[in-house]
Amino acid sequence: MANTGERLREWRRRRLLTQEDLAKLAGVGYVTISRIETTGNGRVTTLRKIAAALGITPEQLMGGDEIPESEAA
């Protein structure tokens, strides 16, 4: 199973967003997006903002739910 960083990168790419685009939508710095994608670590409040910006649940981002087939590329 992918870690949070890998899942974030996958969801972001599925939405055709750059790190900068997602950062603006989520109201966080783009360095934060990059760091989470690299390390897989982030504050829960930040991950919730990012999930909302992606239109997914925090559980989907953090690994509680698999990426639905309808979202698969």
PDB file of N, CA and C in Angstrom:
ATOM      1  N   MET A   1       0.848  -1.192   0.000  1.00  0.00           N
ATOM      2  CA  MET A   1       0.000   0.000   0.000  1.00  0.00           C
ATOM      3  C   MET A   1       0.882   1.240   0.000  1.00  0.00           C
ATOM      4  N   ALA A   2       0.493   2.231  -0.721  1.00  0.00           N
ATOM      5  CA  ALA A   2       1.246   3.473  -0.836  1.00  0.00           C
ATOM      6  C   ALA A   2       1.153   4.286   0.453  1.00  0.00           C
ATOM      7  N   ASN A   3       2.199   5.058   0.721  1.00  0.00           N
ATOM      8  CA  ASN A   3       2.137   5.940   1.881  1.00  0.00           C
ATOM      9  C   ASN A   3       1.377   7.215   1.509  1.00  0.00           C
ATOM     10  N   THR A   4       1.187   8.077   2.485  1.00  0.00           N
ATOM     11  CA  THR A   4       0.414   9.296   2.261  1.00  0.00           C
ATOM     12  C   THR A   4       1.016  10.159   1.159  1.00  0.00           C
ATOM     13  N   GLY A   5       2.333  10.274   1.127  1.00  0.00           N
ATOM     14  CA  GLY A   5       2.986  11.082   0.097  1.00  0.00           C
ATOM     15  C   GLY A   5       2.746  10.555  -1.300  1.00  0.00           C
ATOM     16  N   GLU A   6       2.841   9.246  -1.448  1.00  0.00           N
ATOM     17  CA  GLU A   6       2.600   8.637  -2.756  1.00  0.00           C
ATOM     18  C   GLU A   6       1.141   8.793  -3.162  1.00  0.00           C
ATOM     19  N   ARG A   7       0.254   8.648  -2.204  1.00  0.00           N
ATOM     20  CA  ARG A   7      -1.174   8.806  -2.494  1.00  0.00           C
ATOM     21  C   ARG A   7      -1.483  10.250  -2.886  1.00  0.00           C
ATOM     22  N   LEU A   8      -0.866  11.205  -2.173  1.00  0.00           N
ATOM     23  CA  LEU A   8      -1.065  12.610  -2.498  1.00  0.00           C
ATOM     24  C   LEU A   8      -0.613  12.893  -3.931  1.00  0.00           C
ATOM     25  N   ARG A   9       0.549  12.426  -4.278  1.00  0.00           N
ATOM     26  CA  ARG A   9       1.068  12.646  -5.637  1.00  0.00           C
ATOM     27  C   ARG A   9       0.109  12.049  -6.677  1.00  0.00           C
ATOM     28  N   GLU A  10      -0.379  10.850  -6.402  1.00  0.00           N
ATOM     29  CA  GLU A  10      -1.291  10.186  -7.336  1.00  0.00           C
ATOM     30  C   GLU A  10      -2.595  10.973  -7.501  1.00  0.00           C
ATOM     31  N   TRP A  11      -3.208  11.377  -6.382  1.00  0.00           N
ATOM     32  CA  TRP A  11      -4.447  12.152  -6.465  1.00  0.00           C
ATOM     33  C   TRP A  11      -4.218  13.484  -7.170  1.00  0.00           C
ATOM     34  N   ARG A  12      -3.098  14.146  -6.853  1.00  0.00           N
ATOM     35  CA  ARG A  12      -2.805  15.437  -7.475  1.00  0.00           C
ATOM     36  C   ARG A  12      -2.657  15.295  -8.984  1.00  0.00           C
ATOM     37  N   ARG A  13      -1.947  14.277  -9.396  1.00  0.00           N
ATOM     38  CA  ARG A  13      -1.757  14.054 -10.835  1.00  0.00           C
ATOM     39  C   ARG A  13      -3.065  13.678 -11.521  1.00  0.00           C
ATOM     40  N   ARG A  14      -3.902  12.910 -10.851  1.00  0.00           N
ATOM     41  CA  ARG A  14      -5.205  12.545 -11.438  1.00  0.00           C
ATOM     42  C   ARG A  14      -6.069  13.786 -11.662  1.00  0.00           C
ATOM     43  N   ARG A  15      -5.872  14.790 -10.810  1.00  0.00           N
ATOM     44  CA  ARG A  15      -6.630  16.042 -10.947  1.00  0.00           C
ATOM     45  C   ARG A  15      -5.920  17.028 -11.877  1.00  0.00           C
ATOM     46  N   LEU A  16      -4.780  16.605 -12.450  1.00  0.00           N
ATOM     47  CA  LEU A  16      -3.998  17.426 -13.379  1.00  0.00           C
ATOM     48  C   LEU A  16      -3.553  18.740 -12.743  1.00  0.00           C
ATOM     49  N   LEU A  17      -3.108  18.660 -11.491  1.00  0.00           N
ATOM     50  CA  LEU A  17      -2.663  19.834 -10.757  1.00  0.00           C
ATOM     51  C   LEU A  17      -1.157  19.778 -10.528  1.00  0.00           C
ATOM     52  N   THR A  18      -0.525  20.936 -10.573  1.00  0.00           N
ATOM     53  CA  THR A  18       0.864  21.029 -10.142  1.00  0.00           C
ATOM     54  C   THR A  18       0.869  21.161  -8.620  1.00  0.00           C
ATOM     55  N   GLN A  19       2.036  21.040  -8.034  1.00  0.00           N
ATOM     56  CA  GLN A  19       2.137  21.260  -6.594  1.00  0.00           C
ATOM     57  C   GLN A  19       1.711  22.678  -6.244  1.00  0.00           C
ATOM     58  N   GLU A  20       2.093  23.623  -7.076  1.00  0.00           N
ATOM     59  CA  GLU A  20       1.727  25.019  -6.843  1.00  0.00           C
ATOM     60  C   GLU A  20       0.223  25.233  -6.928  1.00  0.00           C
ATOM     61  N   ASP A  21      -0.416  24.614  -7.920  1.00  0.00           N
ATOM     62  CA  ASP A  21      -1.877  24.723  -8.068  1.00  0.00           C
ATOM     63  C   ASP A  21      -2.585  24.191  -6.833  1.00  0.00           C
ATOM     64  N   LEU A  22      -2.173  22.999  -6.406  1.00  0.00           N
ATOM     65  CA  LEU A  22      -2.818  22.385  -5.242  1.00  0.00           C
ATOM     66  C   LEU A  22      -2.583  23.208  -3.990  1.00  0.00           C
ATOM     67  N   ALA A  23      -1.376  23.727  -3.842  1.00  0.00           N
ATOM     68  CA  ALA A  23      -1.069  24.553  -2.669  1.00  0.00           C
ATOM     69  C   ALA A  23      -2.003  25.755  -2.592  1.00  0.00           C
ATOM     70  N   LYS A  24      -2.227  26.410  -3.733  1.00  0.00           N
ATOM     71  CA  LYS A  24      -3.132  27.565  -3.757  1.00  0.00           C
ATOM     72  C   LYS A  24      -4.551  27.158  -3.391  1.00  0.00           C
ATOM     73  N   LEU A  25      -5.020  26.047  -3.959  1.00  0.00           N
ATOM     74  CA  LEU A  25      -6.379  25.576  -3.664  1.00  0.00           C
ATOM     75  C   LEU A  25      -6.555  25.215  -2.200  1.00  0.00           C
ATOM     76  N   ALA A  26      -5.505  24.635  -1.604  1.00  0.00           N
ATOM     77  CA  ALA A  26      -5.588  24.172  -0.216  1.00  0.00           C
ATOM     78  C   ALA A  26      -5.230  25.258   0.793  1.00  0.00           C
ATOM     79  N   GLY A  27      -4.639  26.347   0.314  1.00  0.00           N
ATOM     80  CA  GLY A  27      -4.239  27.421   1.227  1.00  0.00           C
ATOM     81  C   GLY A  27      -3.001  27.077   2.038  1.00  0.00           C
ATOM     82  N   VAL A  28      -2.087  26.335   1.425  1.00  0.00           N
ATOM     83  CA  VAL A  28      -0.817  25.986   2.070  1.00  0.00           C
ATOM     84  C   VAL A  28       0.312  26.335   1.119  1.00  0.00           C
ATOM     85  N   GLY A  29       1.527  26.305   1.618  1.00  0.00           N
ATOM     86  CA  GLY A  29       2.678  26.586   0.762  1.00  0.00           C
ATOM     87  C   GLY A  29       2.989  25.400  -0.141  1.00  0.00           C
ATOM     88  N   TYR A  30       3.519  25.694  -1.335  1.00  0.00           N
ATOM     89  CA  TYR A  30       3.828  24.585  -2.240  1.00  0.00           C
ATOM     90  C   TYR A  30       4.949  23.721  -1.691  1.00  0.00           C
ATOM     91  N   VAL A  31       5.806  24.297  -0.855  1.00  0.00           N
ATOM     92  CA  VAL A  31       6.863  23.505  -0.215  1.00  0.00           C
ATOM     93  C   VAL A  31       6.237  22.448   0.699  1.00  0.00           C
ATOM     94  N   THR A  32       5.107  22.769   1.289  1.00  0.00           N
ATOM     95  CA  THR A  32       4.393  21.812   2.140  1.00  0.00           C
ATOM     96  C   THR A  32       3.931  20.620   1.315  1.00  0.00           C
ATOM     97  N   ILE A  33       3.376  20.879   0.144  1.00  0.00           N
ATOM     98  CA  ILE A  33       2.935  19.793  -0.738  1.00  0.00           C
ATOM     99  C   ILE A  33       4.137  18.933  -1.122  1.00  0.00           C
ATOM    100  N   SER A  34       5.215  19.565  -1.512  1.00  0.00           N
ATOM    101  CA  SER A  34       6.426  18.845  -1.900  1.00  0.00           C
ATOM    102  C   SER A  34       6.953  17.993  -0.754  1.00  0.00           C
ATOM    103  N   ARG A  35       6.997  18.566   0.448  1.00  0.00           N
ATOM    104  CA  ARG A  35       7.505  17.841   1.613  1.00  0.00           C
ATOM    105  C   ARG A  35       6.637  16.624   1.932  1.00  0.00           C
ATOM    106  N   ILE A  36       5.329  16.780   1.871  1.00  0.00           N
ATOM    107  CA  ILE A  36       4.438  15.649   2.166  1.00  0.00           C
ATOM    108  C   ILE A  36       4.598  14.568   1.107  1.00  0.00           C
ATOM    109  N   GLU A  37       4.698  14.958  -0.151  1.00  0.00           N
ATOM    110  CA  GLU A  37       4.890  13.968  -1.213  1.00  0.00           C
ATOM    111  C   GLU A  37       6.210  13.221  -1.045  1.00  0.00           C
ATOM    112  N   THR A  38       7.230  13.906  -0.551  1.00  0.00           N
ATOM    113  CA  THR A  38       8.551  13.297  -0.387  1.00  0.00           C
ATOM    114  C   THR A  38       8.645  12.430   0.858  1.00  0.00           C
ATOM    115  N   THR A  39       8.130  12.937   1.982  1.00  0.00           N
ATOM    116  CA  THR A  39       8.297  12.240   3.259  1.00  0.00           C
ATOM    117  C   THR A  39       7.095  11.386   3.651  1.00  0.00           C
ATOM    118  N   GLY A  40       5.919  11.745   3.140  1.00  0.00           N
ATOM    119  CA  GLY A  40       4.703  11.049   3.546  1.00  0.00           C
ATOM    120  C   GLY A  40       4.149  11.548   4.865  1.00  0.00           C
ATOM    121  N   ASN A  41       4.759  12.596   5.409  1.00  0.00           N
ATOM    122  CA  ASN A  41       4.342  13.125   6.713  1.00  0.00           C
ATOM    123  C   ASN A  41       3.749  14.510   6.571  1.00  0.00           C
ATOM    124  N   GLY A  42       2.698  14.759   7.339  1.00  0.00           N
ATOM    125  CA  GLY A  42       2.083  16.078   7.362  1.00  0.00           C
ATOM    126  C   GLY A  42       1.118  16.161   8.527  1.00  0.00           C
ATOM    127  N   ARG A  43       0.845  17.367   8.961  1.00  0.00           N
ATOM    128  CA  ARG A  43      -0.124  17.565  10.043  1.00  0.00           C
ATOM    129  C   ARG A  43      -1.514  17.157   9.559  1.00  0.00           C
ATOM    130  N   VAL A  44      -2.275  16.627  10.461  1.00  0.00           N
ATOM    131  CA  VAL A  44      -3.626  16.181  10.121  1.00  0.00           C
ATOM    132  C   VAL A  44      -4.457  17.345   9.598  1.00  0.00           C
ATOM    133  N   THR A  45      -4.336  18.507  10.205  1.00  0.00           N
ATOM    134  CA  THR A  45      -5.118  19.659   9.739  1.00  0.00           C
ATOM    135  C   THR A  45      -4.728  20.050   8.319  1.00  0.00           C
ATOM    136  N   THR A  46      -3.450  19.964   8.012  1.00  0.00           N
ATOM    137  CA  THR A  46      -2.981  20.275   6.661  1.00  0.00           C
ATOM    138  C   THR A  46      -3.483  19.240   5.671  1.00  0.00           C
ATOM    139  N   LEU A  47      -3.413  17.970   6.047  1.00  0.00           N
ATOM    140  CA  LEU A  47      -3.886  16.900   5.166  1.00  0.00           C
ATOM    141  C   LEU A  47      -5.378  17.026   4.898  1.00  0.00           C
ATOM    142  N   ARG A  48      -6.128  17.485   5.880  1.00  0.00           N
ATOM    143  CA  ARG A  48      -7.570  17.700   5.681  1.00  0.00           C
ATOM    144  C   ARG A  48      -7.819  18.809   4.659  1.00  0.00           C
ATOM    145  N   LYS A  49      -7.049  19.883   4.740  1.00  0.00           N
ATOM    146  CA  LYS A  49      -7.183  20.976   3.773  1.00  0.00           C
ATOM    147  C   LYS A  49      -6.859  20.487   2.359  1.00  0.00           C
ATOM    148  N   ILE A  50      -5.809  19.705   2.255  1.00  0.00           N
ATOM    149  CA  ILE A  50      -5.391  19.193   0.950  1.00  0.00           C
ATOM    150  C   ILE A  50      -6.446  18.244   0.393  1.00  0.00           C
ATOM    151  N   ALA A  51      -6.963  17.367   1.238  1.00  0.00           N
ATOM    152  CA  ALA A  51      -8.003  16.435   0.793  1.00  0.00           C
ATOM    153  C   ALA A  51      -9.223  17.202   0.291  1.00  0.00           C
ATOM    154  N   ALA A  52      -9.629  18.224   1.024  1.00  0.00           N
ATOM    155  CA  ALA A  52     -10.788  19.025   0.607  1.00  0.00           C
ATOM    156  C   ALA A  52     -10.520  19.686  -0.744  1.00  0.00           C
ATOM    157  N   ALA A  53      -9.309  20.195  -0.937  1.00  0.00           N
ATOM    158  CA  ALA A  53      -8.964  20.838  -2.206  1.00  0.00           C
ATOM    159  C   ALA A  53      -8.988  19.834  -3.354  1.00  0.00           C
ATOM    160  N   LEU A  54      -8.670  18.577  -3.067  1.00  0.00           N
ATOM    161  CA  LEU A  54      -8.691  17.529  -4.092  1.00  0.00           C
ATOM    162  C   LEU A  54     -10.084  16.937  -4.303  1.00  0.00           C
ATOM    163  N   GLY A  55     -11.007  17.267  -3.400  1.00  0.00           N
ATOM    164  CA  GLY A  55     -12.366  16.726  -3.504  1.00  0.00           C
ATOM    165  C   GLY A  55     -12.467  15.282  -3.049  1.00  0.00           C
ATOM    166  N   ILE A  56     -11.617  14.908  -2.107  1.00  0.00           N
ATOM    167  CA  ILE A  56     -11.624  13.545  -1.573  1.00  0.00           C
ATOM    168  C   ILE A  56     -11.706  13.609  -0.056  1.00  0.00           C
ATOM    169  N   THR A  57     -11.896  12.466   0.571  1.00  0.00           N
ATOM    170  CA  THR A  57     -11.926  12.422   2.024  1.00  0.00           C
ATOM    171  C   THR A  57     -10.504  12.326   2.559  1.00  0.00           C
ATOM    172  N   PRO A  58     -10.303  12.772   3.796  1.00  0.00           N
ATOM    173  CA  PRO A  58      -8.983  12.600   4.400  1.00  0.00           C
ATOM    174  C   PRO A  58      -8.564  11.129   4.457  1.00  0.00           C
ATOM    175  N   GLU A  59      -9.527  10.240   4.645  1.00  0.00           N
ATOM    176  CA  GLU A  59      -9.227   8.808   4.681  1.00  0.00           C
ATOM    177  C   GLU A  59      -8.669   8.318   3.351  1.00  0.00           C
ATOM    178  N   GLN A  60      -9.226   8.816   2.258  1.00  0.00           N
ATOM    179  CA  GLN A  60      -8.717   8.432   0.937  1.00  0.00           C
ATOM    180  C   GLN A  60      -7.276   8.911   0.760  1.00  0.00           C
ATOM    181  N   LEU A  61      -6.980  10.094   1.259  1.00  0.00           N
ATOM    182  CA  LEU A  61      -5.636  10.634   1.136  1.00  0.00           C
ATOM    183  C   LEU A  61      -4.651   9.902   2.042  1.00  0.00           C
ATOM    184  N   MET A  62      -5.079   9.597   3.251  1.00  0.00           N
ATOM    185  CA  MET A  62      -4.167   9.017   4.229  1.00  0.00           C
ATOM    186  C   MET A  62      -4.114   7.495   4.203  1.00  0.00           C
ATOM    187  N   GLY A  63      -4.911   6.869   3.352  1.00  0.00           N
ATOM    188  CA  GLY A  63      -4.783   5.435   3.185  1.00  0.00           C
ATOM    189  C   GLY A  63      -5.874   4.580   3.774  1.00  0.00           C
ATOM    190  N   GLY A  64      -6.925   5.192   4.314  1.00  0.00           N
ATOM    191  CA  GLY A  64      -8.009   4.398   4.870  1.00  0.00           C
ATOM    192  C   GLY A  64      -8.880   3.754   3.808  1.00  0.00           C
ATOM    193  N   ASP A  65      -8.976   4.403   2.662  1.00  0.00           N
ATOM    194  CA  ASP A  65      -9.763   3.892   1.543  1.00  0.00           C
ATOM    195  C   ASP A  65      -8.866   3.826   0.314  1.00  0.00           C
ATOM    196  N   GLU A  66      -9.068   2.815  -0.474  1.00  0.00           N
ATOM    197  CA  GLU A  66      -8.329   2.705  -1.731  1.00  0.00           C
ATOM    198  C   GLU A  66      -8.883   3.690  -2.745  1.00  0.00           C
ATOM    199  N   ILE A  67      -8.105   4.005  -3.746  1.00  0.00           N
ATOM    200  CA  ILE A  67      -8.567   4.870  -4.832  1.00  0.00           C
ATOM    201  C   ILE A  67      -9.622   4.103  -5.615  1.00  0.00           C
ATOM    202  N   PRO A  68     -10.841   4.641  -5.707  1.00  0.00           N
ATOM    203  CA  PRO A  68     -11.900   3.934  -6.436  1.00  0.00           C
ATOM    204  C   PRO A  68     -11.500   3.685  -7.897  1.00  0.00           C
ATOM    205  N   GLU A  69     -11.978   2.598  -8.450  1.00  0.00           N
ATOM    206  CA  GLU A  69     -11.675   2.259  -9.851  1.00  0.00           C
ATOM    207  C   GLU A  69     -12.115   3.364 -10.792  1.00  0.00           C
ATOM    208  N   SER A  70     -13.225   4.047 -10.466  1.00  0.00           N
ATOM    209  CA  SER A  70     -13.700   5.108 -11.336  1.00  0.00           C
ATOM    210  C   SER A  70     -12.714   6.276 -11.359  1.00  0.00           C
ATOM    211  N   GLU A  71     -11.828   6.358 -10.365  1.00  0.00           N
ATOM    212  CA  GLU A  71     -10.811   7.406 -10.317  1.00  0.00           C
ATOM    213  C   GLU A  71      -9.507   6.928 -10.948  1.00  0.00           C
ATOM    214  N   ALA A  72      -9.403   5.657 -11.236  1.00  0.00           N
ATOM    215  CA  ALA A  72      -8.156   5.122 -11.785  1.00  0.00           C
ATOM    216  C   ALA A  72      -7.930   5.646 -13.196  1.00  0.00           C
ATOM    217  N   ALA A  73      -6.683   5.894 -13.494  1.00  0.00           N
ATOM    218  CA  ALA A  73      -6.345   6.426 -14.828  1.00  0.00           C
ATOM    219  C   ALA A  73      -6.432   5.356 -15.885  1.00  0.00           C
TER     220      ALA A  73
END
